[in-house]
Structures are given as structure tokens and as C-alpha cells.
């Protein structure tokens, strides 16, 4: 017999009589629960389930079996080469390189007569423009 709880209310007007029959009913429910005994040990694990993959794949009317059996080759010939893509953005600045070897000694460091005359002419032109 399944235990069915009563809903108790305080006081005589609540209809809560404490009788031997009610107390016995409660005791019997506790005894029935105790007679069930302790919870048993867990059972053995069940066998493994399916591996979760679809056993067949169908594409454009061709079916491939996916359980280790080779299917037809669905890859066609390679298509023509596409247009070149746009250039990518410049990369980040790299680290500074090691200093290079010293260069050869230069000439005596003085300008040629022609270079000197050109320099003097430019300085004269600038001074003349500033005085005007």
C-alpha cells in the first residue's frame, strides 16, 4: 500500500484528530520504508553504444559508407587558377639590425674646385636675396 499523506491543521476546528488509527497509519508507513532495506550496490556497466557517426553520407546521389569501407572518389579535377588577391597590409617593423662593417676611407674630405665654386655661388645668391 502506498503512503498517502494527510494534510493537518491546528486545533479541533482544523479536523486534526489524534487517534490510534492515524498514529498506526504513520507507524506502518515508516515500517514499510524500513523494510525496503538499504540501497543496493550499483550494477555493472552496460555495453558501449554506437560510435556516433553517420554510417552513410549521400551527396548528389552518391552514397559513401563511413564504417571503414572506402567509397567512391567524389573529388573532381582541379579547376583553373583564380585571380590574384589584393596585397596584404605591411607587416610590423622588424628589430634593428647589427651595425655594418666600417667603410673605406674617403678622399681627403675637401671638395673639388668646381664643387667649391658652386657652393660659393649659392651662398652669394642667398645673401643677395636676403639683403634685397
N, C-alpha and C. Protein backbone atom coordinates (compact mmCIF):
# COMPACT_ATOMS: atom_id res chain seq x y z
N UNK A 1 0.85 -1.17 0.00
CA UNK A 1 0.00 0.00 0.00
C UNK A 1 0.89 1.24 0.00
N UNK A 2 0.64 2.16 -0.88
CA UNK A 2 1.43 3.38 -0.97
C UNK A 2 1.02 4.33 0.14
N UNK A 3 2.00 5.06 0.66
CA UNK A 3 1.72 6.03 1.72
C UNK A 3 1.06 7.26 1.12
N UNK A 4 -0.04 7.67 1.69
CA UNK A 4 -0.70 8.90 1.25
C UNK A 4 -0.73 9.85 2.43
N UNK A 5 -0.09 10.98 2.34
CA UNK A 5 -0.02 11.90 3.48
C UNK A 5 -1.37 12.58 3.73
N UNK A 6 -1.59 12.86 5.01
CA UNK A 6 -2.75 13.69 5.40
C UNK A 6 -2.27 15.12 5.47
N UNK A 7 -3.18 16.04 5.35
CA UNK A 7 -2.85 17.46 5.49
C UNK A 7 -3.46 17.94 6.79
N UNK A 8 -2.60 18.23 7.74
CA UNK A 8 -3.02 18.54 9.09
C UNK A 8 -3.23 20.04 9.26
N UNK A 9 -4.19 20.35 10.15
CA UNK A 9 -4.44 21.75 10.52
C UNK A 9 -4.55 21.81 12.02
N UNK A 10 -4.06 22.87 12.63
CA UNK A 10 -4.07 23.01 14.08
C UNK A 10 -5.49 23.15 14.63
N UNK A 11 -5.72 22.61 15.84
CA UNK A 11 -6.98 22.80 16.56
C UNK A 11 -8.07 21.82 16.15
N UNK A 12 -9.10 21.71 17.03
CA UNK A 12 -10.22 20.82 16.74
C UNK A 12 -10.94 21.24 15.48
N UNK A 13 -11.05 22.55 15.27
CA UNK A 13 -11.77 23.03 14.08
C UNK A 13 -10.99 22.72 12.80
N UNK A 14 -9.72 22.44 12.90
CA UNK A 14 -8.91 22.09 11.73
C UNK A 14 -9.10 20.65 11.30
N UNK A 15 -9.85 19.88 12.06
CA UNK A 15 -10.11 18.50 11.69
C UNK A 15 -8.89 17.62 11.84
N UNK A 16 -8.10 17.85 12.87
CA UNK A 16 -6.88 17.08 13.07
C UNK A 16 -7.02 16.23 14.33
N UNK A 17 -7.73 15.15 14.23
CA UNK A 17 -7.85 14.29 15.41
C UNK A 17 -6.62 13.42 15.55
N UNK A 18 -6.11 13.30 16.76
CA UNK A 18 -5.01 12.38 17.02
C UNK A 18 -5.67 11.11 17.54
N UNK A 19 -5.70 10.11 16.67
CA UNK A 19 -6.34 8.85 17.05
C UNK A 19 -5.31 7.74 16.91
N UNK A 20 -5.63 6.62 17.49
CA UNK A 20 -4.77 5.45 17.39
C UNK A 20 -4.66 5.02 15.93
N UNK A 21 -5.76 5.12 15.17
CA UNK A 21 -5.75 4.71 13.77
C UNK A 21 -4.76 5.59 12.97
N UNK A 22 -4.76 6.90 13.21
CA UNK A 22 -3.84 7.80 12.50
C UNK A 22 -2.40 7.52 12.89
N UNK A 23 -2.15 7.35 14.18
CA UNK A 23 -0.80 7.06 14.64
C UNK A 23 -0.32 5.71 14.08
N UNK A 24 -1.19 4.72 14.03
CA UNK A 24 -0.82 3.42 13.47
C UNK A 24 -0.52 3.53 11.97
N UNK A 25 -1.32 4.32 11.28
CA UNK A 25 -1.09 4.52 9.84
C UNK A 25 0.31 5.10 9.61
N UNK A 26 0.70 6.11 10.39
CA UNK A 26 2.01 6.74 10.25
C UNK A 26 3.11 5.72 10.59
N UNK A 27 2.93 4.95 11.66
CA UNK A 27 3.92 3.94 12.05
C UNK A 27 4.08 2.89 10.96
N UNK A 28 2.98 2.46 10.36
CA UNK A 28 3.05 1.44 9.31
C UNK A 28 3.82 1.95 8.09
N UNK A 29 3.63 3.23 7.76
CA UNK A 29 4.36 3.79 6.62
C UNK A 29 5.87 3.79 6.91
N UNK A 30 6.27 4.14 8.12
CA UNK A 30 7.69 4.13 8.48
C UNK A 30 8.25 2.72 8.47
N UNK A 31 7.46 1.75 8.96
CA UNK A 31 7.91 0.36 8.97
C UNK A 31 8.08 -0.17 7.56
N UNK A 32 7.15 0.19 6.66
CA UNK A 32 7.25 -0.27 5.27
C UNK A 32 8.52 0.29 4.62
N UNK A 33 8.84 1.52 4.91
CA UNK A 33 10.05 2.13 4.35
C UNK A 33 11.29 1.41 4.89
N UNK A 34 11.30 1.12 6.16
CA UNK A 34 12.44 0.44 6.77
C UNK A 34 12.59 -0.97 6.23
N UNK A 35 11.47 -1.63 5.88
CA UNK A 35 11.52 -3.00 5.37
C UNK A 35 12.14 -3.07 3.98
N UNK A 36 12.25 -1.96 3.32
CA UNK A 36 12.84 -1.96 1.98
C UNK A 36 14.32 -2.31 2.03
N UNK A 37 14.97 -2.08 3.10
CA UNK A 37 16.38 -2.41 3.23
C UNK A 37 17.26 -1.31 2.65
N UNK A 38 18.57 -1.48 2.79
CA UNK A 38 19.49 -0.46 2.30
C UNK A 38 19.56 -0.48 0.76
N UNK A 39 20.04 0.60 0.24
CA UNK A 39 20.20 0.71 -1.21
C UNK A 39 21.28 -0.26 -1.66
N UNK A 40 21.04 -0.92 -2.75
CA UNK A 40 21.99 -1.91 -3.25
C UNK A 40 23.19 -1.28 -3.95
N UNK A 41 24.18 -2.13 -4.24
CA UNK A 41 25.37 -1.69 -4.97
C UNK A 41 24.99 -1.36 -6.41
N UNK A 42 25.75 -0.48 -7.05
CA UNK A 42 25.47 -0.18 -8.45
C UNK A 42 25.68 -1.42 -9.32
N UNK A 43 24.92 -1.51 -10.37
CA UNK A 43 25.05 -2.62 -11.29
C UNK A 43 26.26 -2.46 -12.19
N UNK A 44 26.56 -3.49 -12.95
CA UNK A 44 27.70 -3.46 -13.88
C UNK A 44 27.40 -2.49 -15.02
N UNK A 45 28.46 -1.92 -15.58
CA UNK A 45 28.30 -1.01 -16.71
C UNK A 45 27.71 -1.78 -17.89
N UNK A 46 26.90 -1.10 -18.66
CA UNK A 46 26.34 -1.69 -19.87
C UNK A 46 27.35 -1.65 -21.00
N UNK A 47 27.03 -2.30 -22.11
CA UNK A 47 27.95 -2.30 -23.24
C UNK A 47 27.97 -0.93 -23.89
N UNK A 48 29.09 -0.64 -24.54
CA UNK A 48 29.25 0.65 -25.20
C UNK A 48 28.20 0.83 -26.28
N UNK A 49 27.80 2.07 -26.48
CA UNK A 49 26.84 2.40 -27.51
C UNK A 49 27.52 2.61 -28.86
N UNK A 50 26.74 3.03 -29.81
CA UNK A 50 27.27 3.29 -31.16
C UNK A 50 28.28 4.42 -31.09
N UNK A 51 29.19 4.49 -32.10
CA UNK A 51 30.26 5.49 -32.07
C UNK A 51 29.78 6.89 -32.44
N UNK A 52 28.55 7.05 -32.81
CA UNK A 52 28.00 8.39 -33.03
C UNK A 52 28.18 8.94 -34.41
N UNK A 53 28.85 8.24 -35.32
CA UNK A 53 28.98 8.78 -36.67
C UNK A 53 27.85 8.27 -37.55
N UNK A 54 27.57 9.02 -38.57
CA UNK A 54 26.56 8.58 -39.52
C UNK A 54 27.16 7.47 -40.36
N UNK A 55 26.47 6.35 -40.49
CA UNK A 55 27.07 5.25 -41.23
C UNK A 55 27.12 5.50 -42.74
N UNK A 56 26.32 6.43 -43.23
CA UNK A 56 26.31 6.71 -44.66
C UNK A 56 26.19 8.21 -44.89
N UNK A 57 26.86 8.67 -45.93
CA UNK A 57 26.74 10.07 -46.35
C UNK A 57 26.35 10.04 -47.81
N UNK A 58 25.29 10.76 -48.16
CA UNK A 58 24.86 10.81 -49.56
C UNK A 58 25.01 12.24 -50.06
N UNK A 59 25.66 12.39 -51.21
CA UNK A 59 25.90 13.71 -51.80
C UNK A 59 25.67 13.59 -53.30
N UNK A 60 24.81 14.39 -53.83
CA UNK A 60 24.50 14.38 -55.27
C UNK A 60 24.22 12.97 -55.78
N UNK A 61 23.47 12.21 -55.03
CA UNK A 61 23.08 10.88 -55.48
C UNK A 61 24.12 9.80 -55.26
N UNK A 62 25.30 10.14 -54.73
CA UNK A 62 26.33 9.14 -54.48
C UNK A 62 26.42 8.91 -52.97
N UNK A 63 26.43 7.66 -52.57
CA UNK A 63 26.48 7.32 -51.15
C UNK A 63 27.85 6.78 -50.79
N UNK A 64 28.39 7.26 -49.67
CA UNK A 64 29.67 6.77 -49.15
C UNK A 64 29.37 6.10 -47.82
N UNK A 65 29.89 4.90 -47.62
CA UNK A 65 29.75 4.20 -46.36
C UNK A 65 30.92 4.65 -45.48
N UNK A 66 30.63 5.05 -44.23
CA UNK A 66 31.64 5.64 -43.38
C UNK A 66 32.08 4.70 -42.27
N UNK A 67 31.92 3.41 -42.44
CA UNK A 67 32.31 2.48 -41.38
C UNK A 67 33.59 1.74 -41.71
N UNK A 68 34.50 2.38 -42.42
CA UNK A 68 35.78 1.78 -42.73
C UNK A 68 35.86 1.26 -44.15
N UNK A 69 34.74 1.21 -44.86
CA UNK A 69 34.76 0.74 -46.24
C UNK A 69 34.92 1.95 -47.13
N UNK A 70 35.86 1.88 -48.07
CA UNK A 70 36.10 3.01 -48.96
C UNK A 70 34.90 3.24 -49.86
N UNK A 71 34.59 4.48 -50.10
CA UNK A 71 33.52 4.84 -51.01
C UNK A 71 34.10 5.39 -52.29
N UNK A 72 33.25 5.86 -53.18
CA UNK A 72 33.77 6.40 -54.44
C UNK A 72 34.49 7.72 -54.20
N UNK A 73 35.41 8.07 -55.10
CA UNK A 73 36.14 9.33 -55.01
C UNK A 73 35.25 10.44 -55.54
N UNK A 74 34.86 11.35 -54.67
CA UNK A 74 33.96 12.43 -55.08
C UNK A 74 34.70 13.68 -55.50
N UNK A 75 36.04 13.63 -55.48
CA UNK A 75 36.80 14.83 -55.83
C UNK A 75 37.03 14.85 -57.33
N UNK A 76 36.62 15.93 -57.97
CA UNK A 76 36.80 16.09 -59.40
C UNK A 76 38.16 16.68 -59.72
N UNK A 77 38.40 16.97 -61.00
CA UNK A 77 39.69 17.56 -61.39
C UNK A 77 39.82 18.97 -60.83
N UNK A 78 41.06 19.42 -60.70
CA UNK A 78 41.32 20.77 -60.18
C UNK A 78 40.86 21.79 -61.20
N UNK A 79 40.22 22.84 -60.72
CA UNK A 79 39.74 23.90 -61.58
C UNK A 79 40.85 24.86 -61.97
N UNK A 80 40.53 25.86 -62.81
CA UNK A 80 41.54 26.83 -63.25
C UNK A 80 41.99 27.71 -62.08
N UNK A 81 43.19 28.26 -62.22
CA UNK A 81 43.73 29.13 -61.20
C UNK A 81 42.91 30.40 -61.13
N UNK A 82 42.60 30.85 -59.94
CA UNK A 82 41.81 32.06 -59.75
C UNK A 82 42.64 33.31 -59.90
N UNK A 83 41.97 34.45 -59.90
CA UNK A 83 42.64 35.74 -59.98
C UNK A 83 43.48 35.97 -58.73
N UNK A 84 44.53 36.77 -58.90
CA UNK A 84 45.39 37.10 -57.76
C UNK A 84 44.60 37.96 -56.78
N UNK A 85 44.82 37.76 -55.51
CA UNK A 85 44.17 38.55 -54.48
C UNK A 85 44.87 39.88 -54.28
N UNK A 86 44.24 40.74 -53.53
CA UNK A 86 44.82 42.05 -53.22
C UNK A 86 46.03 41.88 -52.30
N UNK A 87 46.97 42.81 -52.38
CA UNK A 87 48.13 42.77 -51.50
C UNK A 87 47.68 42.94 -50.06
N UNK A 88 48.35 42.27 -49.18
CA UNK A 88 48.05 42.40 -47.77
C UNK A 88 48.70 43.65 -47.18
N UNK A 89 48.35 43.93 -45.95
CA UNK A 89 48.92 45.09 -45.27
C UNK A 89 50.39 44.83 -44.96
N UNK A 90 51.17 45.94 -44.84
CA UNK A 90 52.58 45.81 -44.48
C UNK A 90 52.68 45.22 -43.08
N UNK A 91 53.69 44.44 -42.88
CA UNK A 91 53.92 43.85 -41.57
C UNK A 91 54.53 44.85 -40.61
N UNK A 92 54.67 44.44 -39.37
CA UNK A 92 55.24 45.31 -38.34
C UNK A 92 56.73 45.50 -38.59
N UNK A 93 57.27 46.63 -38.11
CA UNK A 93 58.69 46.95 -38.24
C UNK A 93 59.49 45.88 -37.49
N UNK A 94 60.51 45.37 -38.13
CA UNK A 94 61.36 44.37 -37.51
C UNK A 94 62.37 45.01 -36.57
N UNK A 95 63.11 44.20 -35.84
CA UNK A 95 64.10 44.73 -34.91
C UNK A 95 65.28 45.34 -35.67
N UNK A 96 65.98 46.25 -35.00
CA UNK A 96 67.13 46.92 -35.62
C UNK A 96 68.24 45.90 -35.83
N UNK A 97 68.85 45.96 -36.97
CA UNK A 97 69.93 45.03 -37.31
C UNK A 97 71.25 45.41 -36.66
N UNK A 98 72.20 44.52 -36.77
CA UNK A 98 73.54 44.76 -36.23
C UNK A 98 74.24 45.83 -37.07
N UNK A 99 75.17 46.59 -36.47
CA UNK A 99 75.89 47.60 -37.25
C UNK A 99 76.74 46.93 -38.33
N UNK A 100 76.85 47.59 -39.43
CA UNK A 100 77.65 47.07 -40.54
C UNK A 100 79.14 47.34 -40.32
N UNK A 101 79.94 46.77 -41.19
CA UNK A 101 81.39 46.96 -41.11
C UNK A 101 81.73 48.40 -41.51
N UNK A 102 82.86 48.91 -41.01
CA UNK A 102 83.30 50.25 -41.37
C UNK A 102 83.59 50.30 -42.86
N UNK A 103 83.27 51.44 -43.48
CA UNK A 103 83.53 51.63 -44.90
C UNK A 103 84.98 52.04 -45.16
N UNK A 104 85.31 52.14 -46.44
CA UNK A 104 86.66 52.55 -46.82
C UNK A 104 86.85 54.03 -46.49
N UNK A 105 88.09 54.39 -46.23
CA UNK A 105 88.38 55.80 -46.02
C UNK A 105 88.06 56.55 -47.29
N UNK A 106 87.50 57.72 -47.13
CA UNK A 106 87.16 58.54 -48.27
C UNK A 106 88.36 59.34 -48.77
N UNK A 107 88.11 60.19 -49.73
CA UNK A 107 89.16 61.08 -50.24
C UNK A 107 89.56 62.02 -49.11
N UNK A 108 90.33 63.04 -49.41
CA UNK A 108 90.85 63.92 -48.37
C UNK A 108 89.77 64.74 -47.67
N UNK A 109 88.53 64.65 -48.12
CA UNK A 109 87.45 65.35 -47.45
C UNK A 109 87.21 66.75 -47.97
N UNK A 110 88.01 67.23 -48.86
CA UNK A 110 87.83 68.56 -49.41
C UNK A 110 87.09 68.47 -50.74
N UNK A 111 86.21 69.48 -51.04
CA UNK A 111 85.51 69.46 -52.33
C UNK A 111 86.47 69.80 -53.46
N UNK A 112 86.01 69.39 -54.66
CA UNK A 112 86.83 69.78 -55.82
C UNK A 112 86.68 71.28 -56.03
N UNK A 113 87.53 71.85 -56.88
CA UNK A 113 87.45 73.30 -57.12
C UNK A 113 86.10 73.65 -57.73
N UNK A 114 85.58 72.84 -58.58
CA UNK A 114 84.28 73.09 -59.22
C UNK A 114 83.17 73.05 -58.17
N UNK A 115 83.22 72.05 -57.24
CA UNK A 115 82.21 71.95 -56.19
C UNK A 115 82.28 73.17 -55.27
N UNK A 116 83.52 73.61 -54.97
CA UNK A 116 83.70 74.77 -54.09
C UNK A 116 83.13 76.02 -54.74
N UNK A 117 83.39 76.21 -56.02
CA UNK A 117 82.89 77.39 -56.73
C UNK A 117 81.35 77.38 -56.76
N UNK A 118 80.73 76.22 -56.95
CA UNK A 118 79.25 76.12 -56.94
C UNK A 118 78.70 76.48 -55.57
N UNK A 119 79.37 76.04 -54.51
CA UNK A 119 78.93 76.33 -53.15
C UNK A 119 79.02 77.82 -52.86
N UNK A 120 80.09 78.45 -53.25
CA UNK A 120 80.26 79.88 -53.03
C UNK A 120 79.19 80.66 -53.80
N UNK A 121 78.89 80.23 -55.02
CA UNK A 121 77.87 80.92 -55.82
C UNK A 121 76.51 80.82 -55.14
N UNK A 122 76.17 79.67 -54.56
CA UNK A 122 74.87 79.53 -53.89
C UNK A 122 74.80 80.40 -52.64
N UNK A 123 75.87 80.43 -51.87
CA UNK A 123 75.88 81.27 -50.67
C UNK A 123 75.74 82.74 -51.06
N UNK A 124 76.46 83.17 -52.12
CA UNK A 124 76.34 84.56 -52.58
C UNK A 124 74.91 84.87 -53.01
N UNK A 125 74.26 83.94 -53.70
CA UNK A 125 72.88 84.15 -54.14
C UNK A 125 71.95 84.28 -52.96
N UNK A 126 72.11 83.46 -51.95
CA UNK A 126 71.25 83.53 -50.77
C UNK A 126 71.46 84.83 -50.00
N UNK A 127 72.70 85.26 -49.87
CA UNK A 127 72.97 86.51 -49.16
C UNK A 127 72.39 87.70 -49.92
N UNK A 128 72.47 87.66 -51.25
CA UNK A 128 71.94 88.75 -52.06
C UNK A 128 70.42 88.80 -51.92
N UNK A 129 69.78 87.66 -51.88
CA UNK A 129 68.32 87.63 -51.76
C UNK A 129 67.90 88.13 -50.39
N UNK A 130 68.70 87.84 -49.36
CA UNK A 130 68.35 88.28 -48.02
C UNK A 130 68.53 89.78 -47.84
N UNK A 131 69.48 90.40 -48.59
CA UNK A 131 69.74 91.83 -48.48
C UNK A 131 68.71 92.63 -49.27
N UNK A 132 68.08 92.04 -50.25
CA UNK A 132 67.13 92.76 -51.11
C UNK A 132 65.81 93.04 -50.46
